[in-house]
Amino acid sequence: MKTILSAVLAVGLCGVAAAQDTKSDPVGTWKCTYDIGGQMREATVAIKKDGDKLTGTITFQDKQESKLKDLKFKDGDLTFSADRDLMNMKFTVEYKLKVDGDKVKGKGAVDFNGQKTEFDIEGKREKKAK
């Protein structure tokens, strides 16, 4: 009886651990929204796993695409940066997001002419086509 109980507990705990891993998996396509200067903006973040390394892109509302740099994921925290060209100026936007199932929420920050501006960002993972 103890052997059966131990086996059931071990399988149950492994199932919980596997569920926690998928709960905070950053891989997928994320539709995100954020507010800059009172204007709602949209961006699409696409993250893939290449071996044990994460890669991705962000496509801004104006269809400009940028590769994600310094992409890291640990304990549900997703961080990366992306270069942005706007009105003949180039700057880097840094992102710190928390992945919770099919939702992300966090902050973006940009240093513009020596002044750091932060904004809230949130998004949802697109469902895979079946």
Protein backbone atom coordinates (compact mmCIF):
# COMPACT_ATOMS: atom_id res chain seq x y z
CA MET A 1 0.00 0.00 0.00
CA LYS A 2 2.84 2.41 0.84
CA THR A 3 4.43 1.67 -2.55
CA ILE A 4 1.22 2.51 -4.41
CA LEU A 5 0.74 5.71 -2.39
CA SER A 6 4.34 6.73 -3.02
CA ALA A 7 3.95 6.11 -6.76
CA VAL A 8 0.71 8.12 -6.90
CA LEU A 9 2.30 11.01 -5.02
CA ALA A 10 5.40 10.97 -7.23
CA VAL A 11 3.33 10.99 -10.44
CA GLY A 12 1.06 13.70 -9.01
CA LEU A 13 3.98 15.92 -8.01
CA CYS A 14 5.66 15.46 -11.40
CA GLY A 15 2.38 16.46 -13.06
CA VAL A 16 2.24 19.63 -10.95
CA ALA A 17 5.86 20.47 -11.81
CA ALA A 18 5.16 19.97 -15.52
CA ALA A 19 2.06 22.16 -15.29
CA GLN A 20 4.08 24.92 -13.65
CA ASP A 21 6.67 24.78 -16.46
CA THR A 22 4.01 25.25 -19.16
CA LYS A 23 2.23 27.93 -17.15
CA SER A 24 5.15 30.30 -17.55
CA ASP A 25 6.42 29.25 -20.98
CA PRO A 26 7.29 32.40 -23.01
CA VAL A 27 7.30 30.67 -26.41
CA GLY A 28 4.55 31.86 -28.72
CA THR A 29 3.09 34.98 -30.31
CA TRP A 30 1.97 37.69 -27.92
CA LYS A 31 -0.40 40.55 -28.82
CA CYS A 32 0.54 43.41 -26.51
CA THR A 33 -0.92 46.83 -25.79
CA TYR A 34 0.63 49.84 -24.08
CA ASP A 35 -0.09 53.52 -23.56
CA ILE A 36 2.44 56.16 -24.58
CA GLY A 37 1.49 59.81 -24.05
CA GLY A 38 -2.22 58.99 -23.83
CA GLN A 39 -2.23 56.97 -27.06
CA MET A 40 -2.87 53.23 -27.02
CA ARG A 41 -0.33 51.30 -29.07
CA GLU A 42 -0.05 47.67 -30.13
CA ALA A 43 2.91 45.39 -30.73
CA THR A 44 3.33 41.73 -31.54
CA VAL A 45 6.11 39.81 -29.80
CA ALA A 46 7.06 36.44 -31.32
CA ILE A 47 9.33 34.15 -29.28
CA LYS A 48 10.78 30.83 -30.44
CA LYS A 49 13.02 28.30 -28.79
CA ASP A 50 16.12 27.42 -30.81
CA GLY A 51 17.67 24.48 -28.95
CA ASP A 52 17.96 25.78 -25.41
CA LYS A 53 18.16 29.44 -26.52
CA LEU A 54 15.24 31.85 -26.92
CA THR A 55 15.03 34.11 -29.98
CA GLY A 56 12.37 36.49 -31.15
CA THR A 57 11.12 39.64 -32.78
CA ILE A 58 8.82 42.51 -31.95
CA THR A 59 6.65 44.13 -34.60
CA PHE A 60 5.43 47.59 -33.69
CA GLN A 61 2.14 49.17 -34.73
CA ASP A 62 3.80 50.86 -37.74
CA LYS A 63 4.91 47.38 -38.97
CA GLN A 64 8.56 48.07 -38.08
CA GLU A 65 10.19 44.84 -36.90
CA SER A 66 13.14 44.50 -34.53
CA LYS A 67 15.06 41.48 -33.23
CA LEU A 68 14.85 40.90 -29.49
CA LYS A 69 18.22 41.38 -27.79
CA ASP A 70 19.41 39.99 -24.45
CA LEU A 71 16.33 37.75 -24.31
CA LYS A 72 16.19 36.00 -20.93
CA PHE A 73 13.55 33.98 -19.12
CA LYS A 74 13.84 32.85 -15.50
CA ASP A 75 11.24 32.09 -12.85
CA GLY A 76 8.43 33.55 -14.96
CA ASP A 77 10.31 36.80 -15.65
CA LEU A 78 10.89 37.67 -19.31
CA THR A 79 13.38 40.43 -20.13
CA PHE A 80 14.64 41.73 -23.45
CA SER A 81 15.41 44.90 -25.36
CA ALA A 82 14.66 46.03 -28.90
CA ASP A 83 15.97 48.85 -31.06
CA ARG A 84 13.40 51.30 -32.38
CA ASP A 85 13.76 53.79 -35.23
CA LEU A 86 11.33 56.68 -35.06
CA MET A 87 11.48 60.04 -36.84
CA ASN A 88 15.15 59.54 -37.85
CA MET A 89 16.13 58.70 -34.26
CA LYS A 90 17.26 55.33 -32.95
CA PHE A 91 16.74 54.27 -29.37
CA THR A 92 16.54 51.07 -27.33
CA VAL A 93 13.43 49.99 -25.46
CA GLU A 94 13.92 47.66 -22.48
CA TYR A 95 11.15 45.29 -21.41
CA LYS A 96 10.55 43.46 -18.11
CA LEU A 97 7.49 41.22 -18.22
CA LYS A 98 5.95 38.57 -16.00
CA VAL A 99 4.54 35.53 -17.83
CA ASP A 100 1.44 34.02 -16.22
CA GLY A 101 -0.12 31.34 -18.40
CA ASP A 102 -1.33 33.03 -21.58
CA LYS A 103 -0.88 36.55 -20.20
CA VAL A 104 2.08 38.88 -19.82
CA LYS A 105 2.25 42.09 -17.84
CA GLY A 106 5.06 44.43 -16.97
CA LYS A 107 6.98 47.55 -17.93
CA GLY A 108 8.78 48.97 -20.88
CA ALA A 109 11.38 51.73 -20.53
CA VAL A 110 13.19 54.00 -22.94
CA ASP A 111 15.90 56.59 -22.40
CA PHE A 112 15.05 59.55 -24.63
CA ASN A 113 17.49 62.49 -24.59
CA GLY A 114 18.71 61.55 -21.11
CA GLN A 115 15.23 61.19 -19.66
CA LYS A 116 14.00 57.68 -18.84
CA THR A 117 10.32 57.07 -19.52
CA GLU A 118 8.49 53.95 -18.35
CA PHE A 119 5.18 52.59 -19.55
CA ASP A 120 2.91 49.69 -18.61
CA ILE A 121 2.51 46.87 -21.10
CA GLU A 122 0.31 43.79 -21.11
CA GLY A 123 -0.63 41.15 -23.58
CA LYS A 124 -2.14 37.80 -24.38
CA ARG A 125 -0.72 34.79 -26.19
CA GLU A 126 -2.38 34.03 -29.50
CA LYS A 127 -3.99 30.61 -29.65
CA LYS A 128 -2.35 28.15 -32.03
CA ALA A 129 -4.39 27.21 -35.08
CA LYS A 130 -5.51 23.60 -34.96
